Amino acid sequence: MTTGVDANAANVVPLRRAPVAAAPWRRAWRALKRWHDRRQAVRELSALSDHQLRDIGINRADIDQVVAELHARRTADVVALSAGGTEQRGSVDARAA
């Protein structure tokens, strides 16, 4: 915690940050970033030829759904890791073998 000096009393006064006021802006920025990342992924996949899409197992009609599913999976992994989980979804625990 940072401190400041009160000029009137010459006492050390803790300076507080305003995390509550910044939280809605931070959430809005993250949501905008996620939306932008999803749209960029759709644009990049849409730029591929039908042959290239078949090579990676995607139909052109399914691009939006595939990107949404991948984003949801990625978001779930991030939430699980931030909640204290140490393993990512789909990972194999070597100790179990």
C-alpha atoms as a PDB file:
ATOM      1  CA  MET A   1       0.000   0.000   0.000  1.00  0.00           C
ATOM      2  CA  THR A   2       1.342   3.432  -0.813  1.00  0.00           C
ATOM      3  CA  THR A   3       1.229   6.240   1.694  1.00  0.00           C
ATOM      4  CA  GLY A   4       0.870   9.970   1.522  1.00  0.00           C
ATOM      5  CA  VAL A   5       1.463  12.780   3.955  1.00  0.00           C
ATOM      6  CA  ASP A   6      -1.452  14.873   5.180  1.00  0.00           C
ATOM      7  CA  ALA A   7      -0.156  18.446   4.959  1.00  0.00           C
ATOM      8  CA  ASN A   8      -2.405  19.630   7.802  1.00  0.00           C
ATOM      9  CA  ALA A   9      -1.588  17.041  10.436  1.00  0.00           C
ATOM     10  CA  ALA A  10       1.786  15.734   9.196  1.00  0.00           C
ATOM     11  CA  ASN A  11       0.378  12.230   9.634  1.00  0.00           C
ATOM     12  CA  VAL A  12       0.945   9.416   7.192  1.00  0.00           C
ATOM     13  CA  VAL A  13      -2.296   8.701   5.379  1.00  0.00           C
ATOM     14  CA  PRO A  14      -2.728   5.598   3.195  1.00  0.00           C
ATOM     15  CA  LEU A  15      -3.587   6.390  -0.403  1.00  0.00           C
ATOM     16  CA  ARG A  16      -6.301   4.140  -1.756  1.00  0.00           C
ATOM     17  CA  ARG A  17      -6.812   2.986  -5.266  1.00  0.00           C
ATOM     18  CA  ALA A  18     -10.288   2.767  -6.736  1.00  0.00           C
ATOM     19  CA  PRO A  19     -10.517  -0.861  -7.945  1.00  0.00           C
ATOM     20  CA  VAL A  20     -14.302  -0.856  -7.726  1.00  0.00           C
ATOM     21  CA  ALA A  21     -14.617   2.098 -10.101  1.00  0.00           C
ATOM     22  CA  ALA A  22     -12.143   0.597 -12.559  1.00  0.00           C
ATOM     23  CA  ALA A  23     -13.685  -2.888 -12.570  1.00  0.00           C
ATOM     24  CA  PRO A  24     -16.578  -2.143 -14.984  1.00  0.00           C
ATOM     25  CA  TRP A  25     -14.180  -0.528 -17.463  1.00  0.00           C
ATOM     26  CA  ARG A  26     -11.806  -3.458 -17.161  1.00  0.00           C
ATOM     27  CA  ARG A  27     -14.639  -5.939 -17.779  1.00  0.00           C
ATOM     28  CA  ALA A  28     -15.880  -3.909 -20.744  1.00  0.00           C
ATOM     29  CA  TRP A  29     -12.369  -3.768 -22.223  1.00  0.00           C
ATOM     30  CA  ARG A  30     -11.930  -7.529 -21.820  1.00  0.00           C
ATOM     31  CA  ALA A  31     -15.319  -8.206 -23.428  1.00  0.00           C
ATOM     32  CA  LEU A  32     -14.418  -5.947 -26.356  1.00  0.00           C
ATOM     33  CA  LYS A  33     -11.061  -7.719 -26.711  1.00  0.00           C
ATOM     34  CA  ARG A  34     -12.726 -11.161 -26.680  1.00  0.00           C
ATOM     35  CA  TRP A  35     -15.236 -10.025 -29.315  1.00  0.00           C
ATOM     36  CA  HIS A  36     -12.423  -8.640 -31.476  1.00  0.00           C
ATOM     37  CA  ASP A  37     -10.399 -11.855 -31.144  1.00  0.00           C
ATOM     38  CA  ARG A  38     -13.409 -13.973 -32.143  1.00  0.00           C
ATOM     39  CA  ARG A  39     -14.174 -11.775 -35.165  1.00  0.00           C
ATOM     40  CA  GLN A  40     -10.525 -11.917 -36.229  1.00  0.00           C
ATOM     41  CA  ALA A  41     -10.549 -15.721 -36.020  1.00  0.00           C
ATOM     42  CA  VAL A  42     -13.723 -15.838 -38.134  1.00  0.00           C
ATOM     43  CA  ARG A  43     -12.152 -13.499 -40.722  1.00  0.00           C
ATOM     44  CA  GLU A  44      -8.980 -15.582 -40.908  1.00  0.00           C
ATOM     45  CA  LEU A  45     -10.856 -18.864 -41.267  1.00  0.00           C
ATOM     46  CA  SER A  46     -13.206 -17.331 -43.824  1.00  0.00           C
ATOM     47  CA  ALA A  47     -10.205 -16.299 -45.910  1.00  0.00           C
ATOM     48  CA  LEU A  48      -9.131 -19.940 -46.290  1.00  0.00           C
ATOM     49  CA  SER A  49     -10.185 -21.916 -49.333  1.00  0.00           C
ATOM     50  CA  ASP A  50     -12.719 -24.735 -49.045  1.00  0.00           C
ATOM     51  CA  HIS A  51      -9.900 -27.226 -49.576  1.00  0.00           C
ATOM     52  CA  GLN A  52      -7.866 -25.726 -46.706  1.00  0.00           C
ATOM     53  CA  LEU A  53     -10.901 -25.755 -44.434  1.00  0.00           C
ATOM     54  CA  ARG A  54     -11.549 -29.427 -45.263  1.00  0.00           C
ATOM     55  CA  ASP A  55      -7.913 -30.180 -44.385  1.00  0.00           C
ATOM     56  CA  ILE A  56      -8.467 -28.897 -40.857  1.00  0.00           C
ATOM     57  CA  GLY A  57     -11.912 -30.492 -40.583  1.00  0.00           C
ATOM     58  CA  ILE A  58     -14.126 -27.413 -40.788  1.00  0.00           C
ATOM     59  CA  ASN A  59     -16.978 -26.657 -43.165  1.00  0.00           C
ATOM     60  CA  ARG A  60     -17.401 -23.030 -44.218  1.00  0.00           C
ATOM     61  CA  ALA A  61     -20.924 -23.027 -42.758  1.00  0.00           C
ATOM     62  CA  ASP A  62     -19.558 -24.078 -39.349  1.00  0.00           C
ATOM     63  CA  ILE A  63     -16.897 -21.385 -38.916  1.00  0.00           C
ATOM     64  CA  ASP A  64     -18.913 -19.230 -36.487  1.00  0.00           C
ATOM     65  CA  GLN A  65     -19.887 -22.251 -34.382  1.00  0.00           C
ATOM     66  CA  VAL A  66     -16.335 -23.631 -34.281  1.00  0.00           C
ATOM     67  CA  VAL A  67     -14.884 -20.280 -33.199  1.00  0.00           C
ATOM     68  CA  ALA A  68     -17.583 -19.866 -30.527  1.00  0.00           C
ATOM     69  CA  GLU A  69     -16.917 -23.374 -29.142  1.00  0.00           C
ATOM     70  CA  LEU A  70     -13.158 -22.850 -29.076  1.00  0.00           C
ATOM     71  CA  HIS A  71     -13.597 -19.506 -27.344  1.00  0.00           C
ATOM     72  CA  ALA A  72     -15.952 -21.014 -24.754  1.00  0.00           C
ATOM     73  CA  ARG A  73     -13.477 -23.843 -24.073  1.00  0.00           C
ATOM     74  CA  ARG A  74     -10.594 -21.373 -23.750  1.00  0.00           C
ATOM     75  CA  THR A  75     -12.620 -19.185 -21.391  1.00  0.00           C
ATOM     76  CA  ALA A  76     -13.542 -22.193 -19.250  1.00  0.00           C
ATOM     77  CA  ASP A  77      -9.866 -23.208 -19.046  1.00  0.00           C
ATOM     78  CA  VAL A  78      -8.834 -19.709 -17.974  1.00  0.00           C
ATOM     79  CA  VAL A  79     -11.561 -19.588 -15.330  1.00  0.00           C
ATOM     80  CA  ALA A  80     -10.566 -23.028 -14.004  1.00  0.00           C
ATOM     81  CA  LEU A  81      -6.907 -22.047 -13.807  1.00  0.00           C
ATOM     82  CA  SER A  82      -7.664 -18.739 -12.106  1.00  0.00           C
ATOM     83  CA  ALA A  83      -9.825 -20.586  -9.566  1.00  0.00           C
ATOM     84  CA  GLY A  84      -6.787 -22.540  -8.448  1.00  0.00           C
ATOM     85  CA  GLY A  85      -6.885 -25.482 -10.815  1.00  0.00           C
ATOM     86  CA  THR A  86      -3.524 -26.672 -12.040  1.00  0.00           C
ATOM     87  CA  GLU A  87      -4.578 -28.850 -14.952  1.00  0.00           C
ATOM     88  CA  GLN A  88      -5.971 -27.726 -18.245  1.00  0.00           C
ATOM     89  CA  ARG A  89      -9.013 -29.395 -19.729  1.00  0.00           C
ATOM     90  CA  GLY A  90      -8.090 -32.474 -21.668  1.00  0.00           C
ATOM     91  CA  SER A  91      -4.634 -32.768 -20.151  1.00  0.00           C
ATOM     92  CA  VAL A  92      -3.408 -36.159 -19.048  1.00  0.00           C
ATOM     93  CA  ASP A  93      -2.057 -36.550 -15.550  1.00  0.00           C
ATOM     94  CA  ALA A  94       1.181 -38.544 -15.828  1.00  0.00           C
ATOM     95  CA  ARG A  95       0.893 -39.689 -12.194  1.00  0.00           C
ATOM     96  CA  ALA A  96      -2.340 -41.531 -12.946  1.00  0.00           C
ATOM     97  CA  ALA A  97      -0.565 -43.923 -15.312  1.00  0.00           C
END
